PDB file of N, CA and C in Angstrom:
ATOM      1  N   SER A   1     -42.054 177.390  88.294  1.00  0.00           N
ATOM      2  CA  SER A   1     -43.198 176.586  87.783  1.00  0.00           C
ATOM      3  C   SER A   1     -42.453 176.270  86.239  1.00  0.00           C
ATOM      4  N   GLN A   2     -43.248 175.419  85.982  1.00  0.00           N
ATOM      5  CA  GLN A   2     -42.787 174.643  84.759  1.00  0.00           C
ATOM      6  C   GLN A   2     -43.306 175.952  83.606  1.00  0.00           C
ATOM      7  N   TRP A   3     -44.364 176.636  83.434  1.00  0.00           N
ATOM      8  CA  TRP A   3     -44.847 177.670  82.787  1.00  0.00           C
ATOM      9  C   TRP A   3     -43.866 178.796  82.728  1.00  0.00           C
ATOM     10  N   GLU A   4     -43.262 179.240  83.896  1.00  0.00           N
ATOM     11  CA  GLU A   4     -42.200 180.170  83.639  1.00  0.00           C
ATOM     12  C   GLU A   4     -40.567 179.937  83.099  1.00  0.00           C
ATOM     13  N   ASN A   5     -40.855 178.505  83.390  1.00  0.00           N
ATOM     14  CA  ASN A   5     -39.239 177.798  82.896  1.00  0.00           C
ATOM     15  C   ASN A   5     -39.571 177.930  81.087  1.00  0.00           C
ATOM     16  N   LEU A   6     -40.823 177.622  80.818  1.00  0.00           N
ATOM     17  CA  LEU A   6     -40.841 177.959  79.258  1.00  0.00           C
ATOM     18  C   LEU A   6     -40.886 178.992  78.720  1.00  0.00           C
ATOM     19  N   ILE A   7     -41.395 180.040  79.465  1.00  0.00           N
ATOM     20  CA  ILE A   7     -41.226 181.541  78.939  1.00  0.00           C
ATOM     21  C   ILE A   7     -40.012 182.050  79.097  1.00  0.00           C
ATOM     22  N   HIS A   8     -39.085 181.326  80.296  1.00  0.00           N
ATOM     23  CA  HIS A   8     -37.625 181.731  80.033  1.00  0.00           C
ATOM     24  C   HIS A   8     -36.782 181.034  78.924  1.00  0.00           C
ATOM     25  N   GLN A   9     -36.986 180.041  78.418  1.00  0.00           N
ATOM     26  CA  GLN A   9     -36.514 179.144  77.639  1.00  0.00           C
ATOM     27  C   GLN A   9     -36.977 179.738  76.213  1.00  0.00           C
ATOM     28  N   LYS A  10     -37.956 180.189  75.947  1.00  0.00           N
ATOM     29  CA  LYS A  10     -38.617 180.801  74.998  1.00  0.00           C
ATOM     30  C   LYS A  10     -37.593 182.373  74.617  1.00  0.00           C
ATOM     31  N   SER A  11     -37.677 182.974  75.814  1.00  0.00           N
ATOM     32  CA  SER A  11     -36.877 184.217  75.716  1.00  0.00           C
ATOM     33  C   SER A  11     -35.433 184.152  75.515  1.00  0.00           C
ATOM     34  N   GLU A  12     -34.691 182.903  75.909  1.00  0.00           N
ATOM     35  CA  GLU A  12     -33.489 182.579  75.603  1.00  0.00           C
ATOM     36  C   GLU A  12     -33.134 182.208  74.466  1.00  0.00           C
ATOM     37  N   ALA A  13     -34.283 181.503  73.625  1.00  0.00           N
ATOM     38  CA  ALA A  13     -34.082 181.088  72.395  1.00  0.00           C
ATOM     39  C   ALA A  13     -34.089 182.292  71.512  1.00  0.00           C
ATOM     40  N   ILE A  14     -35.164 183.197  71.583  1.00  0.00           N
ATOM     41  CA  ILE A  14     -35.601 184.548  70.831  1.00  0.00           C
ATOM     42  C   ILE A  14     -34.190 185.264  70.881  1.00  0.00           C
ATOM     43  N   LYS A  15     -33.594 185.079  72.107  1.00  0.00           N
ATOM     44  CA  LYS A  15     -32.338 186.186  72.373  1.00  0.00           C
ATOM     45  C   LYS A  15     -31.132 185.608  71.325  1.00  0.00           C
ATOM     46  N   LEU A  16     -31.130 184.113  71.436  1.00  0.00           N
ATOM     47  CA  LEU A  16     -30.114 183.470  70.601  1.00  0.00           C
ATOM     48  C   LEU A  16     -30.209 183.807  69.055  1.00  0.00           C
ATOM     49  N   VAL A  17     -31.390 183.292  68.886  1.00  0.00           N
ATOM     50  CA  VAL A  17     -31.943 183.807  67.342  1.00  0.00           C
ATOM     51  C   VAL A  17     -31.666 185.486  67.050  1.00  0.00           C
ATOM     52  N   GLU A  18     -32.011 186.309  67.745  1.00  0.00           N
ATOM     53  CA  GLU A  18     -31.724 187.755  67.531  1.00  0.00           C
ATOM     54  C   GLU A  18     -30.166 188.023  67.498  1.00  0.00           C
ATOM     55  N   ASP A  19     -29.466 187.339  68.223  1.00  0.00           N
ATOM     56  CA  ASP A  19     -28.049 187.451  68.593  1.00  0.00           C
ATOM     57  C   ASP A  19     -27.467 186.927  67.283  1.00  0.00           C
ATOM     58  N   GLU A  20     -28.107 185.872  66.547  1.00  0.00           N
ATOM     59  CA  GLU A  20     -27.409 185.102  65.306  1.00  0.00           C
ATOM     60  C   GLU A  20     -27.696 185.836  64.329  1.00  0.00           C
ATOM     61  N   TYR A  21     -29.012 186.712  64.523  1.00  0.00           N
ATOM     62  CA  TYR A  21     -29.186 187.429  63.109  1.00  0.00           C
ATOM     63  C   TYR A  21     -28.492 188.708  63.168  1.00  0.00           C
ATOM     64  N   VAL A  22     -28.283 189.201  64.340  1.00  0.00           N
ATOM     65  CA  VAL A  22     -27.360 190.447  64.657  1.00  0.00           C
ATOM     66  C   VAL A  22     -25.829 190.474  64.100  1.00  0.00           C
ATOM     67  N   LEU A  23     -25.531 189.062  64.492  1.00  0.00           N
ATOM     68  CA  LEU A  23     -24.083 188.598  64.098  1.00  0.00           C
ATOM     69  C   LEU A  23     -24.203 188.560  62.558  1.00  0.00           C
ATOM     70  N   LYS A  24     -24.923 187.775  62.003  1.00  0.00           N
ATOM     71  CA  LYS A  24     -24.831 187.870  60.547  1.00  0.00           C
ATOM     72  C   LYS A  24     -25.102 189.204  59.746  1.00  0.00           C
ATOM     73  N   TYR A  25     -26.087 189.946  60.297  1.00  0.00           N
ATOM     74  CA  TYR A  25     -25.963 191.241  59.645  1.00  0.00           C
ATOM     75  C   TYR A  25     -24.708 192.137  59.928  1.00  0.00           C
ATOM     76  N   LYS A  26     -23.871 192.003  61.043  1.00  0.00           N
ATOM     77  CA  LYS A  26     -23.158 192.748  61.132  1.00  0.00           C
ATOM     78  C   LYS A  26     -21.662 192.183  60.248  1.00  0.00           C
ATOM     79  N   THR A  27     -21.777 190.772  59.992  1.00  0.00           N
ATOM     80  CA  THR A  27     -21.146 190.190  59.348  1.00  0.00           C
ATOM     81  C   THR A  27     -20.879 190.699  57.911  1.00  0.00           C
ATOM     82  N   LEU A  28     -22.260 190.472  57.320  1.00  0.00           N
ATOM     83  CA  LEU A  28     -22.652 190.875  55.929  1.00  0.00           C
ATOM     84  C   LEU A  28     -22.366 192.351  55.863  1.00  0.00           C
ATOM     85  N   GLU A  29     -22.666 193.192  56.858  1.00  0.00           N
ATOM     86  CA  GLU A  29     -22.232 194.904  56.572  1.00  0.00           C
ATOM     87  C   GLU A  29     -20.949 194.784  56.530  1.00  0.00           C
ATOM     88  N   GLU A  30     -20.102 194.341  57.268  1.00  0.00           N
ATOM     89  CA  GLU A  30     -18.492 194.564  57.254  1.00  0.00           C
ATOM     90  C   GLU A  30     -18.062 193.933  55.932  1.00  0.00           C
ATOM     91  N   GLN A  31     -18.611 192.660  55.394  1.00  0.00           N
ATOM     92  CA  GLN A  31     -18.292 192.422  54.040  1.00  0.00           C
ATOM     93  C   GLN A  31     -18.713 193.354  52.809  1.00  0.00           C
ATOM     94  N   PHE A  32     -19.833 193.841  53.043  1.00  0.00           N
ATOM     95  CA  PHE A  32     -20.240 194.803  52.369  1.00  0.00           C
ATOM     96  C   PHE A  32     -19.283 196.262  52.169  1.00  0.00           C
ATOM     97  N   TYR A  33     -19.032 196.450  53.268  1.00  0.00           N
ATOM     98  CA  TYR A  33     -18.087 198.051  53.319  1.00  0.00           C
ATOM     99  C   TYR A  33     -16.603 197.621  52.845  1.00  0.00           C
ATOM    100  N   ALA A  34     -16.159 196.506  53.276  1.00  0.00           N
ATOM    101  CA  ALA A  34     -14.847 195.692  52.782  1.00  0.00           C
ATOM    102  C   ALA A  34     -14.925 195.864  51.251  1.00  0.00           C
ATOM    103  N   GLN A  35     -16.069 195.262  50.772  1.00  0.00           N
ATOM    104  CA  GLN A  35     -16.102 195.117  49.191  1.00  0.00           C
ATOM    105  C   GLN A  35     -16.258 196.324  48.493  1.00  0.00           C
ATOM    106  N   GLN A  36     -16.914 197.319  49.204  1.00  0.00           N
ATOM    107  CA  GLN A  36     -17.061 198.679  48.695  1.00  0.00           C
ATOM    108  C   GLN A  36     -15.726 199.346  48.588  1.00  0.00           C
ATOM    109  N   LYS A  37     -15.053 199.437  49.696  1.00  0.00           N
ATOM    110  CA  LYS A  37     -13.831 199.950  49.855  1.00  0.00           C
ATOM    111  C   LYS A  37     -12.891 199.386  48.791  1.00  0.00           C
ATOM    112  N   SER A  38     -12.783 198.008  48.918  1.00  0.00           N
ATOM    113  CA  SER A  38     -12.156 197.402  47.758  1.00  0.00           C
ATOM    114  C   SER A  38     -12.446 197.855  46.258  1.00  0.00           C
ATOM    115  N   HIS A  39     -13.668 197.921  45.688  1.00  0.00           N
ATOM    116  CA  HIS A  39     -13.838 198.471  44.380  1.00  0.00           C
ATOM    117  C   HIS A  39     -13.435 199.962  44.371  1.00  0.00           C
ATOM    118  N   CYS A  40     -13.694 200.693  45.459  1.00  0.00           N
ATOM    119  CA  CYS A  40     -13.325 202.040  45.278  1.00  0.00           C
ATOM    120  C   CYS A  40     -11.810 202.020  45.173  1.00  0.00           C
ATOM    121  N   SER A  41     -10.757 201.339  45.836  1.00  0.00           N
ATOM    122  CA  SER A  41      -9.491 201.104  45.502  1.00  0.00           C
ATOM    123  C   SER A  41      -9.249 200.800  44.277  1.00  0.00           C
ATOM    124  N   ARG A  42      -9.918 199.787  43.733  1.00  0.00           N
ATOM    125  CA  ARG A  42      -9.546 199.278  42.344  1.00  0.00           C
ATOM    126  C   ARG A  42     -10.130 200.359  41.380  1.00  0.00           C
ATOM    127  N   GLU A  43     -10.961 201.183  41.587  1.00  0.00           N
ATOM    128  CA  GLU A  43     -11.397 202.081  40.606  1.00  0.00           C
ATOM    129  C   GLU A  43     -10.225 203.291  40.572  1.00  0.00           C
ATOM    130  N   ILE A  44      -9.896 203.508  41.796  1.00  0.00           N
ATOM    131  CA  ILE A  44      -8.821 204.785  41.722  1.00  0.00           C
ATOM    132  C   ILE A  44      -7.732 203.930  41.080  1.00  0.00           C
ATOM    133  N   GLU A  45      -7.101 202.855  41.429  1.00  0.00           N
ATOM    134  CA  GLU A  45      -6.103 202.242  40.466  1.00  0.00           C
ATOM    135  C   GLU A  45      -6.203 202.488  39.018  1.00  0.00           C
ATOM    136  N   LEU A  46      -7.494 201.924  38.630  1.00  0.00           N
ATOM    137  CA  LEU A  46      -7.745 202.066  37.389  1.00  0.00           C
ATOM    138  C   LEU A  46      -7.713 203.460  36.676  1.00  0.00           C
ATOM    139  N   LEU A  47      -8.324 204.179  37.344  1.00  0.00           N
ATOM    140  CA  LEU A  47      -8.201 205.791  36.800  1.00  0.00           C
ATOM    141  C   LEU A  47      -6.683 205.910  36.833  1.00  0.00           C
ATOM    142  N   LYS A  48      -5.909 205.605  37.788  1.00  0.00           N
ATOM    143  CA  LYS A  48      -4.368 206.264  37.583  1.00  0.00           C
ATOM    144  C   LYS A  48      -3.868 205.485  36.615  1.00  0.00           C
ATOM    145  N   ALA A  49      -4.073 204.368  36.285  1.00  0.00           N
ATOM    146  CA  ALA A  49      -3.703 203.716  35.149  1.00  0.00           C
ATOM    147  C   ALA A  49      -3.864 204.314  33.836  1.00  0.00           C
ATOM    148  N   ILE A  50      -5.349 204.589  33.758  1.00  0.00           N
ATOM    149  CA  ILE A  50      -5.837 205.221  32.522  1.00  0.00           C
ATOM    150  C   ILE A  50      -5.130 206.548  32.233  1.00  0.00           C
ATOM    151  N   ASP A  51      -4.880 207.471  33.565  1.00  0.00           N
ATOM    152  CA  ASP A  51      -4.144 208.831  33.303  1.00  0.00           C
ATOM    153  C   ASP A  51      -2.615 208.310  32.977  1.00  0.00           C
ATOM    154  N   ALA A  52      -2.179 207.294  33.379  1.00  0.00           N
ATOM    155  CA  ALA A  52      -0.792 207.059  32.910  1.00  0.00           C
ATOM    156  C   ALA A  52      -0.483 206.816  31.579  1.00  0.00           C
ATOM    157  N   LEU A  53      -1.393 206.014  30.886  1.00  0.00           N
ATOM    158  CA  LEU A  53      -1.928 205.533  29.506  1.00  0.00           C
ATOM    159  C   LEU A  53      -2.038 206.761  28.599  1.00  0.00           C
ATOM    160  N   LYS A  54      -2.943 207.568  29.313  1.00  0.00           N
ATOM    161  CA  LYS A  54      -3.292 209.054  28.498  1.00  0.00           C
ATOM    162  C   LYS A  54      -1.863 209.749  28.413  1.00  0.00           C
ATOM    163  N   ASN A  55      -1.219 209.852  29.557  1.00  0.00           N
ATOM    164  CA  ASN A  55       0.075 210.624  29.368  1.00  0.00           C
ATOM    165  C   ASN A  55       1.091 209.861  28.403  1.00  0.00           C
ATOM    166  N   GLU A  56       1.117 208.771  28.495  1.00  0.00           N
ATOM    167  CA  GLU A  56       1.990 207.880  27.630  1.00  0.00           C
ATOM    168  C   GLU A  56       1.902 208.227  26.248  1.00  0.00           C
ATOM    169  N   ILE A  57       0.477 207.962  25.905  1.00  0.00           N
ATOM    170  CA  ILE A  57      -0.157 208.315  24.483  1.00  0.00           C
ATOM    171  C   ILE A  57       0.234 209.805  24.118  1.00  0.00           C
ATOM    172  N   GLN A  58      -0.083 210.971  24.917  1.00  0.00           N
ATOM    173  CA  GLN A  58       0.429 212.226  24.380  1.00  0.00           C
ATOM    174  C   GLN A  58       1.828 212.281  24.267  1.00  0.00           C
ATOM    175  N   SER A  59       2.780 211.275  25.098  1.00  0.00           N
ATOM    176  CA  SER A  59       4.189 211.722  25.010  1.00  0.00           C
ATOM    177  C   SER A  59       4.440 211.071  23.622  1.00  0.00           C
ATOM    178  N   LYS A  60       3.901 210.102  23.107  1.00  0.00           N
ATOM    179  CA  LYS A  60       4.182 209.348  22.109  1.00  0.00           C
ATOM    180  C   LYS A  60       3.623 209.906  20.793  1.00  0.00           C
ATOM    181  N   ASP A  61       2.646 210.723  20.896  1.00  0.00           N
ATOM    182  CA  ASP A  61       1.916 211.495  19.946  1.00  0.00           C
ATOM    183  C   ASP A  61       2.979 212.405  19.691  1.00  0.00           C
ATOM    184  N   SER A  62       3.602 213.304  20.556  1.00  0.00           N
ATOM    185  CA  SER A  62       4.530 214.214  20.617  1.00  0.00           C
ATOM    186  C   SER A  62       5.592 214.030  19.923  1.00  0.00           C
ATOM    187  N   THR A  63       6.245 212.856  20.353  1.00  0.00           N
ATOM    188  CA  THR A  63       7.633 212.169  19.654  1.00  0.00           C
ATOM    189  C   THR A  63       7.116 211.786  18.224  1.00  0.00           C
ATOM    190  N   LEU A  64       5.953 211.409  17.903  1.00  0.00           N
ATOM    191  CA  LEU A  64       5.739 211.261  16.532  1.00  0.00           C
ATOM    192  C   LEU A  64       5.416 212.289  15.570  1.00  0.00           C
ATOM    193  N   ASP A  65       4.987 213.972  16.376  1.00  0.00           N
ATOM    194  CA  ASP A  65       4.975 214.899  15.453  1.00  0.00           C
ATOM    195  C   ASP A  65       6.289 215.479  15.429  1.00  0.00           C
ATOM    196  N   ASP A  66       7.257 215.092  16.185  1.00  0.00           N
ATOM    197  CA  ASP A  66       8.631 215.812  16.201  1.00  0.00           C
ATOM    198  C   ASP A  66       9.312 214.893  14.812  1.00  0.00           C
ATOM    199  N   LEU A  67       9.197 213.633  14.975  1.00  0.00           N
ATOM    200  CA  LEU A  67       9.663 212.684  14.060  1.00  0.00           C
ATOM    201  C   LEU A  67       9.302 212.969  12.673  1.00  0.00           C
ATOM    202  N   GLN A  68       7.884 213.442  12.544  1.00  0.00           N
ATOM    203  CA  GLN A  68       7.104 213.747  11.264  1.00  0.00           C
ATOM    204  C   GLN A  68       7.656 214.971  10.545  1.00  0.00           C
ATOM    205  N   ASN A  69       8.058 215.896  11.913  1.00  0.00           N
ATOM    206  CA  ASN A  69       8.893 217.308  11.315  1.00  0.00           C
ATOM    207  C   ASN A  69      10.207 216.963  10.728  1.00  0.00           C
ATOM    208  N   ASN A  70      10.837 216.032  11.496  1.00  0.00           N
ATOM    209  CA  ASN A  70      12.374 216.017  10.979  1.00  0.00           C
ATOM    210  C   ASN A  70      12.157 215.060   9.565  1.00  0.00           C
ATOM    211  N   VAL A  71      11.107 214.308   9.377  1.00  0.00           N
ATOM    212  CA  VAL A  71      11.054 213.647   8.063  1.00  0.00           C
ATOM    213  C   VAL A  71      10.747 214.534   7.137  1.00  0.00           C
ATOM    214  N   GLU A  72       9.715 215.629   7.522  1.00  0.00           N
ATOM    215  CA  GLU A  72       9.632 216.475   6.528  1.00  0.00           C
ATOM    216  C   GLU A  72      10.906 217.430   6.073  1.00  0.00           C
ATOM    217  N   THR A  73      11.655 217.857   7.125  1.00  0.00           N
ATOM    218  CA  THR A  73      12.795 218.674   6.834  1.00  0.00           C
ATOM    219  C   THR A  73      13.726 217.750   6.137  1.00  0.00           C
ATOM    220  N   LEU A  74      13.975 216.563   6.507  1.00  0.00           N
ATOM    221  CA  LEU A  74      15.067 215.786   5.529  1.00  0.00           C
ATOM    222  C   LEU A  74      14.393 215.556   3.984  1.00  0.00           C
ATOM    223  N   GLU A  75      13.212 215.542   3.901  1.00  0.00           N
ATOM    224  CA  GLU A  75      12.733 215.238   2.674  1.00  0.00           C
ATOM    225  C   GLU A  75      13.174 216.942   2.031  1.00  0.00           C
ATOM    226  N   GLY A  76      12.650 217.932   2.357  1.00  0.00           N
ATOM    227  CA  GLY A  76      13.178 218.946   1.885  1.00  0.00           C
ATOM    228  C   GLY A  76      14.642 219.202   1.546  1.00  0.00           C
ATOM    229  N   GLY A  77      15.546 218.669   2.412  1.00  0.00           N
ATOM    230  CA  GLY A  77      16.675 218.762   2.307  1.00  0.00           C
ATOM    231  C   GLY A  77      17.152 217.816   0.975  1.00  0.00           C
ATOM    232  N   VAL A  78      16.848 216.686   0.914  1.00  0.00           N
ATOM    233  CA  VAL A  78      16.930 215.829  -0.146  1.00  0.00           C
ATOM    234  C   VAL A  78      16.480 216.502  -1.457  1.00  0.00           C
ATOM    235  N   GLN A  79      15.262 217.109  -1.643  1.00  0.00           N
ATOM    236  CA  GLN A  79      14.998 217.760  -2.692  1.00  0.00           C
ATOM    237  C   GLN A  79      15.856 219.033  -3.204  1.00  0.00           C
ATOM    238  N   LEU A  80      16.119 219.640  -2.119  1.00  0.00           N
ATOM    239  CA  LEU A  80      17.092 220.655  -2.396  1.00  0.00           C
ATOM    240  C   LEU A  80      18.716 219.879  -3.078  1.00  0.00           C
ATOM    241  N   LEU A  81      19.088 219.100  -2.456  1.00  0.00           N
ATOM    242  CA  LEU A  81      20.334 218.294  -2.876  1.00  0.00           C
ATOM    243  C   LEU A  81      20.208 217.799  -4.213  1.00  0.00           C
ATOM    244  N   ASN A  82      19.021 217.145  -4.630  1.00  0.00           N
ATOM    245  CA  ASN A  82      18.589 216.671  -5.832  1.00  0.00           C
ATOM    246  C   ASN A  82      18.711 217.663  -6.836  1.00  0.00           C
ATOM    247  N   GLN A  83      18.282 218.938  -6.719  1.00  0.00           N
ATOM    248  CA  GLN A  83      18.034 220.123  -7.568  1.00  0.00           C
ATOM    249  C   GLN A  83      19.447 220.583  -7.800  1.00  0.00           C
ATOM    250  N   GLU A  84      20.307 220.554  -6.596  1.00  0.00           N
ATOM    251  CA  GLU A  84      21.600 221.083  -6.842  1.00  0.00           C
ATOM    252  C   GLU A  84      22.508 220.147  -7.573  1.00  0.00           C
ATOM    253  N   ILE A  85      22.144 218.882  -7.550  1.00  0.00           N
ATOM    254  CA  ILE A  85      22.957 217.786  -8.658  1.00  0.00           C
ATOM    255  C   ILE A  85      22.370 217.780  -9.658  1.00  0.00           C
ATOM    256  N   ALA A  86      21.215 218.269  -9.959  1.00  0.00           N
ATOM    257  CA  ALA A  86      20.651 218.303 -11.440  1.00  0.00           C
ATOM    258  C   ALA A  86      21.260 219.409 -12.004  1.00  0.00           C
ATOM    259  N   GLN A  87      21.493 220.543 -11.216  1.00  0.00           N
ATOM    260  CA  GLN A  87      22.034 221.850 -11.794  1.00  0.00           C
ATOM    261  C   GLN A  87      23.233 221.482 -12.185  1.00  0.00           C
ATOM    262  N   GLN A  88      24.243 220.848 -11.263  1.00  0.00           N
ATOM    263  CA  GLN A  88      25.451 220.552 -11.612  1.00  0.00           C
ATOM    264  C   GLN A  88      25.592 219.646 -12.705  1.00  0.00           C
ATOM    265  N   ASN A  89      24.992 218.538 -12.952  1.00  0.00           N
ATOM    266  CA  ASN A  89      24.844 217.600 -13.941  1.00  0.00           C
ATOM    267  C   ASN A  89      24.682 218.567 -15.343  1.00  0.00           C
ATOM    268  N   SER A  90      23.755 219.320 -15.205  1.00  0.00           N
ATOM    269  CA  SER A  90      23.258 220.307 -16.450  1.00  0.00           C
ATOM    270  C   SER A  90      24.812 221.189 -16.671  1.00  0.00           C
ATOM    271  N   ASP A  91      25.263 221.814 -15.704  1.00  0.00           N
ATOM    272  CA  ASP A  91      26.253 222.602 -15.776  1.00  0.00           C
ATOM    273  C   ASP A  91      27.620 221.812 -16.452  1.00  0.00           C
ATOM    274  N   LEU A  92      27.707 220.717 -15.859  1.00  0.00           N
ATOM    275  CA  LEU A  92      28.904 219.866 -16.153  1.00  0.00           C
ATOM    276  C   LEU A  92      28.779 219.389 -17.764  1.00  0.00           C
ATOM    277  N   ALA A  93      27.423 218.823 -18.179  1.00  0.00           N
ATOM    278  CA  ALA A  93      27.311 218.786 -19.426  1.00  0.00           C
ATOM    279  C   ALA A  93      27.481 219.898 -20.475  1.00  0.00           C
ATOM    280  N   LYS A  94      26.979 221.191 -19.968  1.00  0.00           N
ATOM    281  CA  LYS A  94      27.356 222.244 -20.869  1.00  0.00           C
ATOM    282  C   LYS A  94      28.974 222.642 -21.083  1.00  0.00           C
ATOM    283  N   VAL A  95      29.508 222.447 -19.748  1.00  0.00           N
ATOM    284  CA  VAL A  95      31.087 222.505 -19.769  1.00  0.00           C
ATOM    285  C   VAL A  95      31.611 221.415 -20.654  1.00  0.00           C
ATOM    286  N   LYS A  96      31.251 220.484 -20.666  1.00  0.00           N
ATOM    287  CA  LYS A  96      31.686 219.312 -21.540  1.00  0.00           C
ATOM    288  C   LYS A  96      31.345 219.491 -22.966  1.00  0.00           C
ATOM    289  N   THR A  97      30.356 219.793 -23.208  1.00  0.00           N
ATOM    290  CA  THR A  97      30.005 220.343 -24.868  1.00  0.00           C
ATOM    291  C   THR A  97      30.841 221.321 -25.467  1.00  0.00           C
ATOM    292  N   GLU A  98      30.949 222.469 -24.147  1.00  0.00           N
ATOM    293  CA  GLU A  98      31.832 223.478 -24.832  1.00  0.00           C
ATOM    294  C   GLU A  98      33.171 222.907 -24.957  1.00  0.00           C
ATOM    295  N   ALA A  99      33.549 222.395 -24.002  1.00  0.00           N
ATOM    296  CA  ALA A  99      35.129 221.816 -24.171  1.00  0.00           C
ATOM    297  C   ALA A  99      35.062 220.965 -25.355  1.00  0.00           C
ATOM    298  N   GLU A 100      34.336 220.026 -25.765  1.00  0.00           N
ATOM    299  CA  GLU A 100      34.308 219.288 -27.044  1.00  0.00           C
ATOM    300  C   GLU A 100      34.551 220.223 -28.066  1.00  0.00           C
ATOM    301  N   GLN A 101      33.635 221.280 -28.369  1.00  0.00           N
ATOM    302  CA  GLN A 101      33.566 222.250 -29.165  1.00  0.00           C
ATOM    303  C   GLN A 101      34.929 222.989 -29.492  1.00  0.00           C
ATOM    304  N   LYS A 102      35.367 223.348 -28.382  1.00  0.00           N
ATOM    305  CA  LYS A 102      36.646 224.045 -28.574  1.00  0.00           C
ATOM    306  C   LYS A 102      37.656 222.941 -28.969  1.00  0.00           C
ATOM    307  N   VAL A 103      37.664 221.912 -28.641  1.00  0.00           N
ATOM    308  CA  VAL A 103      38.836 220.603 -28.970  1.00  0.00           C
ATOM    309  C   VAL A 103      38.642 220.490 -30.455  1.00  0.00           C
ATOM    310  N   ARG A 104      37.485 220.407 -30.900  1.00  0.00           N
ATOM    311  CA  ARG A 104      37.227 220.374 -32.548  1.00  0.00           C
ATOM    312  C   ARG A 104      37.689 221.770 -33.237  1.00  0.00           C
ATOM    313  N   GLN A 105      37.312 222.654 -32.555  1.00  0.00           N
ATOM    314  CA  GLN A 105      37.919 224.110 -33.200  1.00  0.00           C
ATOM    315  C   GLN A 105      39.494 224.052 -33.246  1.00  0.00           C
ATOM    316  N   VAL A 106      40.045 223.573 -32.601  1.00  0.00           N
ATOM    317  CA  VAL A 106      41.564 223.450 -32.306  1.00  0.00           C
ATOM    318  C   VAL A 106      41.978 222.242 -33.169  1.00  0.00           C
ATOM    319  N   LEU A 107      41.320 221.358 -33.244  1.00  0.00           N
ATOM    320  CA  LEU A 107      41.880 220.463 -34.185  1.00  0.00           C
ATOM    321  C   LEU A 107      41.346 220.797 -35.692  1.00  0.00           C
TER     322      LEU A 107
END
């Protein structure tokens, strides 16, 4: 009968709409999980990059500390050399003065 045919068509239409919505839902769900996985992977990559940068900074800080210690050691050595040079200049001036006095005494 026509009534049964209409009911059957209605059921098929409802089934098609349901199938379409289920497919859209599953597609959206898959996209959501794929995006979530992508974000998680990206977050892991960023955390690894942050750790690598922290390690690099620590390494460079350590190198800077070593260089600063070397500079301080060299500055100490330069001060010592300057003191020795000043002392030798003083001793040389004293010897020169004494030598000049002896030369005058001889003459």
